[in-house]
Amino acid sequence: MILYIILAAVGSAAGAIAVYILITKTVLKGRVDAIIQKAELEAENIKQQKILQAKEKYLQLKSEYDKNVNARNNELRERESNIKTRENQLKEQASELGRRQHELDSQKGQLNAQKNKLDAKMQDYDRLVAQVNKDLENIAGLTASEAKKMLVENMKAEARSEAQAYINDTMDEARLNAAKEAKRIVINTIQRTATETAIENAVTTFPIESDEVKGRIIGREGRNIRALEAATGVEIVVDDTPDAILLSAFDPVRREVARLALHQLVMDGRIHPARIEEVVNKVSKQLEEEILETGKRTCIDMGIHGLNLELVRLIGRMKYRSSYGQNLLQHSREVANICAIMASELGLNPKIARRAGLLHDIGKVSENEPELPHAILGAKLAEQYKERPEVCNAIGAHHEEMEMSSVYSPLVLVGDAISGARPGARREVIESYIKRLKGMEDLAASYPGVTKSYAIQAGRELRVIVAAEEVTDEQSARLSTEIAQRIQDEMTYPGQVKITVIREIRSVAIAK
């Protein structure tokens, strides 16, 4: 019985499972059918949309194609019409050319007939000319070639005579006009650049406040003055002149160093040999800086740029150099302005002329190769510092010591002559005096062991300072005799010249 019950339960369960499975399959099948139906419907809709889109695209493309075809057809029809029109024009032109060719052929026949007639006439003319020439040769006794040659020679001689007369008249007129124009230019230039005369002497007056200051400057037994004279090479003249001391030297740079050194010593109040040497060295350096600044300021004032720094320094040194008593810097500035004005009048470059005029005397302030003329030395310096060739030639040729190859050279020569020839501008006596003193100093400096040499007391005394480690006392005595003998043999001087050789030994120790 239990077994039956179990089997019945198992059967019922199996039936229930089968019924559940059957129901599930039925439901799933319905759902699948619905999904398939929905998908088919959506696919049909998409298909219809794509078909519509394709139709629209086809219609659009067809419309564009038809439009392009119509436009192309219209263009072809227009070209065909143009071709037909051109063809008609060509036919008309061909017809016109045919007609003209016929006319030209007719004219060519007429020209040929006229040419034949002209040839016949030319032959007759040649025969007549030959007959006339033959008759003339018989009458004149000359052949045609001889007569032609004679005529040509006569014409040449007449032409030469007329040409020479014309050339002479032209040259005379040119000389007259050139002389007038040159005078006008030079006179106008002198009027526009005339400046005051610039005469310098060889003495500088140093003002002092009292005799007490004068006594401090002299020092015990004159040691301060001796130290100052030895350091600067300037003769200090202390006399009865109230409130003044005279500084005498032919070199303006030395006088300026002595003046500035004295000014600082008097202002400071400490005046002794060691202090004097210190101040002189300091002032010398300051003066070199002032010289460079003077050169720069001069170049700026004159509108000259691009000069080498060494040339600028040489321009500054001109301030303390005189030429025949005329201040060299003022003279060079005046020459530069004269050259620039004349160059402008002549249609040349005034900047180049002004540059050459300012640099024309730099050889006078150079310390190199003093045996060369200052014009040649100046040209070498300008060439060394990369100046233009025309400027170098103008510098070297302003005293005609070099051949003139530049149009600016005569301008500098004339400008230098104009500046130096003004009344009161120069004094030959001072220049010769300075040259004599400079020659004495150079003679002494040529000996080995000489460190400094100064001509003082208007050239009546020459002080020579030697290096103690190179020259002995015996050599110092011999040196003074040799220098005196050379001065006596080689130089011209008034009166007597005293040669003083100074040999000084200093021993310095520092306590720390």
Protein backbone atom coordinates (compact mmCIF):
# COMPACT_ATOMS: atom_id res chain seq x y z
CA MET A 1 0.00 0.00 0.00
CA ILE A 2 2.83 2.40 0.88
CA LEU A 3 4.52 1.52 -2.34
CA TYR A 4 1.42 2.46 -4.29
CA ILE A 5 1.15 5.69 -2.44
CA ILE A 6 4.78 6.50 -3.24
CA LEU A 7 4.33 5.63 -6.90
CA ALA A 8 1.15 7.73 -7.01
CA ALA A 9 3.02 10.69 -5.49
CA VAL A 10 5.88 10.24 -7.89
CA GLY A 11 3.49 10.11 -10.82
CA SER A 12 1.65 13.17 -9.63
CA ALA A 13 4.90 15.03 -9.28
CA ALA A 14 6.04 13.93 -12.71
CA GLY A 15 2.75 15.04 -14.20
CA ALA A 16 2.95 18.38 -12.47
CA ILE A 17 6.46 18.85 -13.80
CA ALA A 18 5.41 17.92 -17.28
CA VAL A 19 2.45 20.28 -17.12
CA TYR A 20 4.77 23.10 -15.86
CA ILE A 21 7.25 22.45 -18.65
CA LEU A 22 4.49 22.44 -21.24
CA ILE A 23 3.02 25.67 -19.94
CA THR A 24 6.49 27.29 -19.84
CA LYS A 25 7.22 26.32 -23.43
CA THR A 26 3.87 27.71 -24.55
CA VAL A 27 4.48 31.04 -22.79
CA LEU A 28 8.06 31.30 -24.11
CA LYS A 29 6.94 30.53 -27.61
CA GLY A 30 4.36 33.30 -27.44
CA ARG A 31 6.96 35.75 -26.24
CA VAL A 32 9.45 34.72 -28.91
CA ASP A 33 6.78 35.09 -31.58
CA ALA A 34 5.94 38.55 -30.30
CA ILE A 35 9.63 39.61 -30.30
CA ILE A 36 10.10 38.21 -33.80
CA GLN A 37 7.01 39.97 -35.02
CA LYS A 38 8.15 43.24 -33.48
CA ALA A 39 11.59 42.86 -35.01
CA GLU A 40 10.13 42.13 -38.41
CA LEU A 41 7.92 45.22 -38.12
CA GLU A 42 10.87 47.42 -37.14
CA ALA A 43 12.97 45.96 -39.96
CA GLU A 44 10.21 46.74 -42.42
CA ASN A 45 10.02 50.33 -41.15
CA ILE A 46 13.80 50.75 -41.46
CA LYS A 47 13.67 49.25 -44.92
CA GLN A 48 10.96 51.69 -46.00
CA GLN A 49 12.93 54.64 -44.56
CA LYS A 50 16.12 53.60 -46.34
CA ILE A 51 14.21 53.17 -49.58
CA LEU A 52 12.78 56.70 -49.20
CA GLN A 53 16.19 58.14 -48.42
CA ALA A 54 17.72 56.37 -51.43
CA LYS A 55 14.94 57.73 -53.66
CA GLU A 56 15.51 61.26 -52.33
CA LYS A 57 19.30 60.98 -52.88
CA TYR A 58 18.70 59.62 -56.37
CA LEU A 59 16.37 62.46 -57.23
CA GLN A 60 18.86 65.02 -55.83
CA LEU A 61 21.79 63.55 -57.79
CA LYS A 62 19.69 63.30 -60.93
CA SER A 63 18.68 66.97 -60.58
CA GLU A 64 22.34 68.04 -60.15
CA TYR A 65 23.40 65.88 -63.10
CA ASP A 66 20.69 67.33 -65.30
CA LYS A 67 21.73 70.81 -64.25
CA ASN A 68 25.42 70.16 -65.06
CA VAL A 69 24.48 68.57 -68.38
CA ASN A 70 22.34 71.57 -69.30
CA ALA A 71 25.12 73.97 -68.38
CA ARG A 72 27.67 71.96 -70.37
CA ASN A 73 25.33 71.86 -73.35
CA ASN A 74 24.82 75.62 -73.16
CA GLU A 75 28.60 76.14 -73.01
CA LEU A 76 29.14 73.86 -76.00
CA ARG A 77 26.47 75.65 -77.97
CA GLU A 78 28.08 79.01 -77.12
CA ARG A 79 31.51 77.75 -78.18
CA GLU A 80 30.08 76.37 -81.37
CA SER A 81 28.54 79.77 -82.09
CA ASN A 82 31.87 81.51 -81.40
CA ILE A 83 33.70 79.06 -83.66
CA LYS A 84 31.27 79.71 -86.47
CA THR A 85 31.64 83.46 -86.00
CA ARG A 86 35.46 83.14 -86.00
CA GLU A 87 35.31 80.96 -89.09
CA ASN A 88 33.28 83.60 -90.91
CA GLN A 89 35.79 86.27 -89.86
CA LEU A 90 38.71 84.15 -91.09
CA LYS A 91 37.00 83.64 -94.40
CA GLU A 92 36.53 87.37 -94.74
CA GLN A 93 40.20 88.02 -93.80
CA ALA A 94 41.37 85.39 -96.31
CA SER A 95 39.35 87.10 -98.98
CA GLU A 96 40.86 90.48 -98.02
CA LEU A 97 44.38 89.02 -98.03
CA GLY A 98 43.83 87.60 -101.48
CA ARG A 99 42.72 90.96 -102.75
CA ARG A 100 45.73 92.70 -101.17
CA GLN A 101 48.11 90.08 -102.55
CA HIS A 102 46.77 90.78 -106.02
CA GLU A 103 47.30 94.52 -105.48
CA LEU A 104 50.88 93.91 -104.19
CA ASP A 105 51.73 91.76 -107.19
CA SER A 106 50.52 94.53 -109.44
CA GLN A 107 52.58 97.14 -107.51
CA LYS A 108 55.63 94.84 -107.56
CA GLY A 109 55.48 94.73 -111.36
CA GLN A 110 55.30 98.50 -111.49
CA LEU A 111 58.27 98.83 -109.04
CA ASN A 112 60.36 96.45 -111.10
CA ALA A 113 59.71 98.54 -114.16
CA GLN A 114 60.71 101.72 -112.25
CA LYS A 115 63.84 100.00 -110.92
CA ASN A 116 64.92 99.08 -114.41
CA LYS A 117 64.48 102.68 -115.46
CA LEU A 118 66.53 103.89 -112.42
CA ASP A 119 69.31 101.39 -113.15
CA ALA A 120 69.54 102.72 -116.65
CA LYS A 121 69.65 106.30 -115.36
CA MET A 122 72.36 105.40 -112.77
CA GLN A 123 74.50 103.89 -115.46
CA ASP A 124 74.13 107.06 -117.50
CA TYR A 125 75.01 109.11 -114.36
CA ASP A 126 78.13 107.01 -113.64
CA ARG A 127 79.30 107.47 -117.21
CA LEU A 128 78.77 111.23 -116.97
CA VAL A 129 80.60 111.42 -113.58
CA ALA A 130 83.54 109.42 -114.96
CA GLN A 131 83.68 111.70 -117.98
CA VAL A 132 83.53 114.86 -115.78
CA ASN A 133 86.25 113.52 -113.42
CA LYS A 134 88.42 112.68 -116.41
CA ASP A 135 87.91 116.17 -117.82
CA LEU A 136 88.71 117.73 -114.36
CA GLU A 137 91.87 115.63 -114.01
CA ASN A 138 92.99 116.79 -117.47
CA ILE A 139 92.29 120.42 -116.57
CA ALA A 140 93.78 120.38 -112.99
CA GLY A 141 96.65 118.01 -113.68
CA LEU A 142 95.69 115.93 -110.53
CA THR A 143 94.05 112.57 -110.12
CA ALA A 144 90.82 112.26 -108.12
CA SER A 145 92.57 110.48 -105.21
CA GLU A 146 95.23 113.21 -105.01
CA ALA A 147 92.63 115.95 -105.02
CA LYS A 148 90.60 114.16 -102.35
CA LYS A 149 93.69 113.72 -100.16
CA MET A 150 94.60 117.39 -100.52
CA LEU A 151 91.07 118.44 -99.58
CA VAL A 152 91.06 116.19 -96.50
CA GLU A 153 94.43 117.57 -95.31
CA ASN A 154 93.22 121.15 -95.74
CA MET A 155 90.05 120.38 -93.78
CA LYS A 156 92.06 118.69 -91.00
CA ALA A 157 94.40 121.68 -90.63
CA GLU A 158 91.47 124.09 -90.55
CA ALA A 159 89.67 121.91 -87.95
CA ARG A 160 92.79 121.73 -85.75
CA SER A 161 93.21 125.48 -85.85
CA GLU A 162 89.58 126.14 -84.96
CA ALA A 163 89.65 123.50 -82.20
CA GLN A 164 92.84 124.90 -80.66
CA ALA A 165 91.42 128.41 -80.68
CA TYR A 166 88.24 127.13 -79.01
CA ILE A 167 90.26 125.23 -76.41
CA ASN A 168 92.40 128.28 -75.64
CA ASP A 169 89.33 130.49 -75.22
CA THR A 170 87.65 127.89 -73.03
CA MET A 171 90.73 127.42 -70.83
CA ASP A 172 91.20 131.18 -70.42
CA GLU A 173 87.58 131.55 -69.42
CA ALA A 174 87.84 128.57 -67.06
CA ARG A 175 90.99 129.99 -65.42
CA LEU A 176 89.31 133.33 -64.93
CA ASN A 177 86.15 131.80 -63.49
CA ALA A 178 88.14 129.34 -61.37
CA ALA A 179 90.27 132.13 -59.90
CA LYS A 180 87.17 134.19 -59.11
CA GLU A 181 85.34 131.21 -57.61
CA ALA A 182 88.37 130.14 -55.57
CA LYS A 183 88.78 133.65 -54.17
CA ARG A 184 85.08 133.79 -53.30
CA ILE A 185 85.17 130.44 -51.52
CA VAL A 186 88.35 131.25 -49.56
CA ILE A 187 87.16 134.74 -48.57
CA ASN A 188 83.76 133.47 -47.44
CA THR A 189 85.44 130.68 -45.49
CA ILE A 190 87.84 133.05 -43.73
CA GLN A 191 84.98 135.41 -42.85
CA ARG A 192 82.91 132.58 -41.38
CA THR A 193 85.72 131.03 -39.33
CA ALA A 194 87.82 134.02 -38.24
CA THR A 195 88.69 133.58 -34.55
CA GLU A 196 90.77 135.42 -32.03
CA THR A 197 94.52 134.89 -32.07
CA ALA A 198 95.85 132.24 -29.74
CA ILE A 199 99.35 133.14 -28.58
CA GLU A 200 100.89 131.22 -25.67
CA ASN A 201 104.07 131.95 -23.76
CA ALA A 202 106.39 129.76 -21.75
CA VAL A 203 105.51 131.10 -18.26
CA THR A 204 102.53 130.39 -16.00
CA THR A 205 101.75 132.60 -13.01
CA PHE A 206 100.63 130.76 -9.84
CA PRO A 207 98.84 133.05 -7.37
CA ILE A 208 99.48 132.65 -3.63
CA GLU A 209 97.80 134.25 -0.66
CA SER A 210 100.78 135.38 1.42
CA ASP A 211 104.52 135.25 1.86
CA GLU A 212 104.03 132.51 4.48
CA VAL A 213 102.71 130.17 1.78
CA LYS A 214 105.62 131.19 -0.43
CA GLY A 215 108.02 130.21 2.35
CA ARG A 216 106.38 126.79 2.79
CA ILE A 217 106.66 126.21 -0.94
CA ILE A 218 110.39 127.05 -0.85
CA GLY A 219 110.99 124.77 2.14
CA ARG A 220 114.04 124.46 4.35
CA GLU A 221 117.10 125.45 2.32
CA GLY A 222 114.95 125.26 -0.82
CA ARG A 223 114.43 121.47 -0.68
CA ASN A 224 110.72 121.68 -1.60
CA ILE A 225 111.40 123.71 -4.72
CA ARG A 226 114.22 121.38 -5.74
CA ALA A 227 111.95 118.37 -5.26
CA LEU A 228 109.18 120.02 -7.27
CA GLU A 229 111.53 121.00 -10.08
CA ALA A 230 113.00 117.48 -10.20
CA ALA A 231 109.55 115.86 -10.27
CA THR A 232 107.97 118.12 -12.88
CA GLY A 233 110.88 119.50 -14.94
CA VAL A 234 109.57 123.04 -14.43
CA GLU A 235 111.66 125.91 -13.17
CA ILE A 236 110.06 127.57 -10.12
CA VAL A 237 110.88 131.29 -10.08
CA VAL A 238 110.38 132.87 -6.67
CA ASP A 239 111.21 136.58 -6.66
CA ASP A 240 109.88 139.76 -5.14
CA THR A 241 106.68 139.61 -7.17
CA PRO A 242 103.90 139.92 -4.57
CA ASP A 243 101.35 137.10 -4.22
CA ALA A 244 102.68 135.12 -7.20
CA ILE A 245 105.15 132.43 -8.21
CA LEU A 246 106.26 131.92 -11.80
CA LEU A 247 106.32 128.44 -13.40
CA SER A 248 108.70 128.48 -16.37
CA ALA A 249 108.88 125.64 -18.93
CA PHE A 250 108.52 125.36 -22.67
CA ASP A 251 106.29 122.25 -22.35
CA PRO A 252 102.69 123.29 -21.48
CA VAL A 253 101.93 119.81 -20.07
CA ARG A 254 104.72 120.12 -17.53
CA ARG A 255 103.57 123.61 -16.53
CA GLU A 256 100.02 122.34 -16.09
CA VAL A 257 101.19 119.40 -13.95
CA ALA A 258 103.26 121.77 -11.80
CA ARG A 259 100.37 124.24 -11.45
CA LEU A 260 97.85 121.56 -10.43
CA ALA A 261 100.35 119.94 -8.05
CA LEU A 262 101.12 123.28 -6.39
CA HIS A 263 97.41 124.01 -6.08
CA GLN A 264 96.77 120.70 -4.30
CA LEU A 265 99.83 121.08 -2.06
CA VAL A 266 98.83 124.60 -1.01
CA MET A 267 95.23 123.55 -0.37
CA ASP A 268 96.36 120.50 1.63
CA GLY A 269 99.04 122.37 3.58
CA ARG A 270 101.46 119.43 3.71
CA ILE A 271 104.47 120.39 1.59
CA HIS A 272 107.55 118.16 1.75
CA PRO A 273 109.53 116.16 -0.86
CA ALA A 274 107.72 112.83 -0.36
CA ARG A 275 104.32 114.49 -0.51
CA ILE A 276 105.40 116.50 -3.58
CA GLU A 277 106.32 113.32 -5.51
CA GLU A 278 103.04 111.66 -4.52
CA VAL A 279 100.93 114.63 -5.60
CA VAL A 280 102.85 115.05 -8.88
CA ASN A 281 102.27 111.39 -9.80
CA LYS A 282 98.58 111.68 -8.92
CA VAL A 283 98.17 114.91 -10.90
CA SER A 284 99.95 113.38 -13.90
CA LYS A 285 97.41 110.55 -13.99
CA GLN A 286 94.53 113.00 -13.59
CA LEU A 287 95.91 115.12 -16.42
CA GLU A 288 96.04 112.07 -18.72
CA GLU A 289 92.35 111.45 -17.98
CA GLU A 290 91.59 115.13 -18.62
CA ILE A 291 93.50 114.95 -21.92
CA LEU A 292 91.35 112.00 -23.03
CA GLU A 293 88.18 113.79 -21.94
CA THR A 294 89.26 116.92 -23.86
CA GLY A 295 89.76 114.81 -26.98
CA LYS A 296 86.32 113.21 -26.63
CA ARG A 297 84.63 116.57 -26.06
CA THR A 298 86.41 118.05 -29.09
CA CYS A 299 85.26 115.18 -31.31
CA ILE A 300 81.68 115.60 -30.11
CA ASP A 301 81.78 119.37 -30.70
CA MET A 302 83.15 118.87 -34.22
CA GLY A 303 80.65 116.07 -35.05
CA ILE A 304 83.40 113.52 -35.68
CA HIS A 305 82.65 109.92 -34.69
CA GLY A 306 84.36 106.55 -34.86
CA LEU A 307 87.90 107.74 -34.06
CA ASN A 308 90.32 105.32 -32.47
CA LEU A 309 90.81 106.02 -28.74
CA GLU A 310 94.52 106.68 -29.23
CA LEU A 311 93.74 109.33 -31.87
CA VAL A 312 91.25 110.90 -29.43
CA ARG A 313 94.01 111.04 -26.80
CA LEU A 314 96.37 112.71 -29.27
CA ILE A 315 93.70 115.32 -30.03
CA GLY A 316 93.41 116.03 -26.30
CA ARG A 317 97.19 116.47 -26.03
CA MET A 318 96.97 119.25 -28.62
CA LYS A 319 95.45 121.46 -25.91
CA TYR A 320 98.85 121.54 -24.19
CA ARG A 321 100.95 121.95 -27.33
CA SER A 322 101.66 125.09 -29.30
CA SER A 323 102.82 125.55 -32.87
CA TYR A 324 104.81 128.75 -33.37
CA GLY A 325 103.04 130.14 -30.30
CA GLN A 326 99.59 129.16 -31.62
CA ASN A 327 97.59 126.69 -29.52
CA LEU A 328 97.56 123.48 -31.54
CA LEU A 329 94.04 122.37 -30.59
CA GLN A 330 92.49 125.73 -31.50
CA HIS A 331 94.52 125.75 -34.71
CA SER A 332 93.33 122.22 -35.64
CA ARG A 333 89.69 123.06 -34.88
CA GLU A 334 89.97 126.18 -37.05
CA VAL A 335 91.55 124.22 -39.91
CA ALA A 336 88.80 121.57 -39.62
CA ASN A 337 86.05 124.20 -39.90
CA ILE A 338 87.78 125.92 -42.84
CA CYS A 339 88.15 122.59 -44.69
CA ALA A 340 84.51 121.63 -44.03
CA ILE A 341 83.18 124.95 -45.36
CA MET A 342 85.34 124.83 -48.49
CA ALA A 343 84.34 121.19 -49.10
CA SER A 344 80.65 122.15 -48.90
CA GLU A 345 81.19 124.98 -51.38
CA LEU A 346 82.94 122.59 -53.77
CA GLY A 347 80.33 119.82 -53.49
CA LEU A 348 82.60 117.47 -51.51
CA ASN A 349 81.92 115.60 -48.28
CA PRO A 350 82.39 118.12 -45.41
CA LYS A 351 82.65 115.36 -42.78
CA ILE A 352 85.74 113.85 -44.40
CA ALA A 353 87.30 117.32 -44.84
CA ARG A 354 86.60 118.24 -41.19
CA ARG A 355 88.08 114.92 -40.01
CA ALA A 356 91.28 115.44 -42.03
CA GLY A 357 91.60 119.04 -40.85
CA LEU A 358 91.28 118.09 -37.18
CA LEU A 359 93.87 115.30 -37.46
CA HIS A 360 96.37 117.07 -39.72
CA ASP A 361 98.85 117.95 -36.91
CA ILE A 362 98.63 114.81 -34.72
CA GLY A 363 102.23 114.04 -35.66
CA LYS A 364 103.33 117.03 -33.54
CA VAL A 365 102.01 115.46 -30.31
CA SER A 366 103.15 111.89 -30.98
CA GLU A 367 105.99 110.48 -28.92
CA ASN A 368 107.04 107.96 -31.59
CA GLU A 369 109.66 108.41 -34.35
CA PRO A 370 110.42 112.11 -33.70
CA GLU A 371 112.97 112.11 -36.53
CA LEU A 372 110.17 111.94 -39.13
CA PRO A 373 108.41 115.13 -40.34
CA HIS A 374 105.22 115.60 -38.37
CA ALA A 375 103.03 115.38 -41.51
CA ILE A 376 104.46 111.97 -42.53
CA LEU A 377 104.28 110.73 -38.93
CA GLY A 378 100.66 111.88 -38.67
CA ALA A 379 99.76 110.04 -41.90
CA LYS A 380 101.37 106.86 -40.56
CA LEU A 381 99.45 107.16 -37.29
CA ALA A 382 96.16 107.71 -39.11
CA GLU A 383 96.84 104.70 -41.34
CA GLN A 384 97.78 102.60 -38.30
CA TYR A 385 94.46 103.39 -36.63
CA LYS A 386 92.43 102.50 -39.76
CA GLU A 387 91.53 105.97 -41.03
CA ARG A 388 90.30 106.36 -44.62
CA PRO A 389 93.00 106.62 -47.33
CA GLU A 390 91.92 110.12 -48.38
CA VAL A 391 92.23 111.32 -44.76
CA CYS A 392 95.72 109.76 -44.41
CA ASN A 393 96.86 111.36 -47.67
CA ALA A 394 95.48 114.77 -46.67
CA ILE A 395 97.41 114.59 -43.37
CA GLY A 396 100.67 113.52 -45.00
CA ALA A 397 100.47 116.00 -47.90
CA HIS A 398 99.49 119.20 -46.06
CA HIS A 399 103.15 120.36 -46.24
CA GLU A 400 103.66 118.79 -49.69
CA GLU A 401 105.99 116.15 -48.23
CA MET A 402 103.82 113.45 -49.78
CA GLU A 403 102.23 113.28 -53.23
CA MET A 404 98.59 114.41 -53.21
CA SER A 405 96.26 111.62 -54.29
CA SER A 406 93.06 112.90 -52.66
CA VAL A 407 90.85 115.90 -53.48
CA TYR A 408 90.81 116.72 -49.76
CA SER A 409 94.61 117.16 -49.55
CA PRO A 410 94.66 120.67 -51.15
CA LEU A 411 91.82 121.71 -48.80
CA VAL A 412 93.85 120.79 -45.71
CA LEU A 413 96.96 122.50 -47.13
CA VAL A 414 95.01 125.71 -47.80
CA GLY A 415 93.18 125.55 -44.46
CA ASP A 416 96.45 125.14 -42.56
CA ALA A 417 97.98 128.08 -44.43
CA ILE A 418 94.92 130.29 -43.80
CA SER A 419 94.87 129.51 -40.06
CA GLY A 420 98.59 130.07 -39.60
CA ALA A 421 98.82 133.18 -41.77
CA ARG A 422 96.38 135.31 -39.78
CA PRO A 423 98.08 138.38 -38.24
CA GLY A 424 99.32 137.59 -34.73
CA ALA A 425 98.50 133.90 -34.92
CA ARG A 426 102.08 132.65 -34.77
CA ARG A 427 105.49 133.69 -33.55
CA GLU A 428 108.48 132.07 -35.17
CA VAL A 429 110.84 132.99 -32.29
CA ILE A 430 108.96 130.97 -29.68
CA GLU A 431 108.76 127.95 -31.96
CA SER A 432 112.49 127.95 -32.66
CA TYR A 433 113.17 128.42 -28.93
CA ILE A 434 110.97 125.44 -28.04
CA LYS A 435 112.60 123.29 -30.72
CA ARG A 436 116.04 124.15 -29.34
CA LEU A 437 115.06 123.19 -25.79
CA LYS A 438 113.38 119.99 -26.98
CA GLY A 439 116.51 119.09 -28.94
CA MET A 440 118.66 119.54 -25.82
CA GLU A 441 116.38 117.26 -23.80
CA ASP A 442 116.31 114.59 -26.53
CA LEU A 443 120.11 114.72 -26.81
CA ALA A 444 120.50 114.05 -23.08
CA ALA A 445 117.82 111.35 -23.07
CA SER A 446 119.67 109.42 -25.80
CA TYR A 447 122.37 108.33 -23.31
CA PRO A 448 121.89 104.98 -21.49
CA GLY A 449 120.89 105.24 -17.85
CA VAL A 450 119.18 108.65 -18.24
CA THR A 451 115.63 108.52 -16.86
CA LYS A 452 114.61 112.19 -17.22
CA SER A 453 116.03 115.36 -18.73
CA TYR A 454 114.72 118.89 -18.28
CA ALA A 455 115.81 122.15 -19.93
CA ILE A 456 115.19 125.02 -17.49
CA GLN A 457 116.08 128.68 -17.06
CA ALA A 458 115.24 129.46 -20.71
CA GLY A 459 117.68 126.80 -21.88
CA ARG A 460 120.64 128.01 -19.84
CA GLU A 461 120.61 124.87 -17.68
CA LEU A 462 120.00 121.21 -18.55
CA ARG A 463 119.21 118.90 -15.63
CA VAL A 464 119.77 115.21 -16.29
CA ILE A 465 118.46 112.62 -13.81
CA VAL A 466 120.11 109.19 -14.05
CA ALA A 467 119.26 105.81 -12.53
CA ALA A 468 121.58 105.14 -9.57
CA GLU A 469 121.73 101.40 -10.24
CA GLU A 470 122.87 101.92 -13.85
CA VAL A 471 125.22 104.93 -13.62
CA THR A 472 128.04 105.36 -11.10
CA ASP A 473 129.36 108.65 -9.71
CA GLU A 474 132.34 108.56 -12.05
CA GLN A 475 130.07 107.90 -15.03
CA SER A 476 127.84 110.79 -13.95
CA ALA A 477 130.75 113.21 -14.08
CA ARG A 478 131.83 111.85 -17.47
CA LEU A 479 128.24 112.02 -18.71
CA SER A 480 127.92 115.74 -17.94
CA THR A 481 131.14 116.42 -19.86
CA GLU A 482 130.01 114.37 -22.88
CA ILE A 483 126.62 116.06 -23.03
CA ALA A 484 128.21 119.49 -22.78
CA GLN A 485 130.62 118.65 -25.58
CA ARG A 486 127.82 117.36 -27.85
CA ILE A 487 125.69 120.44 -27.21
CA GLN A 488 128.66 122.64 -28.02
CA ASP A 489 129.38 120.76 -31.25
CA GLU A 490 125.89 120.04 -32.54
CA MET A 491 123.60 122.83 -31.35
CA THR A 492 123.25 126.57 -31.72
CA TYR A 493 122.47 128.47 -28.50
CA PRO A 494 123.07 131.90 -26.97
CA GLY A 495 125.41 132.24 -23.99
CA GLN A 496 126.31 129.19 -21.90
CA VAL A 497 124.43 126.00 -20.99
CA LYS A 498 124.98 124.42 -17.59
CA ILE A 499 124.61 120.61 -17.53
CA THR A 500 123.70 119.18 -14.11
CA VAL A 501 123.65 115.38 -13.76
CA ILE A 502 121.72 114.23 -10.67
CA ARG A 503 122.28 110.74 -9.25
CA GLU A 504 120.21 110.03 -6.17
CA ILE A 505 120.10 106.88 -4.03
CA ARG A 506 117.12 106.17 -1.78
CA SER A 507 116.84 103.45 0.82
CA VAL A 508 113.30 102.70 1.97
CA ALA A 509 112.24 100.38 4.81
CA ILE A 510 108.78 99.87 6.25
CA ALA A 511 108.17 99.16 9.97
CA LYS A 512 105.18 96.94 10.64
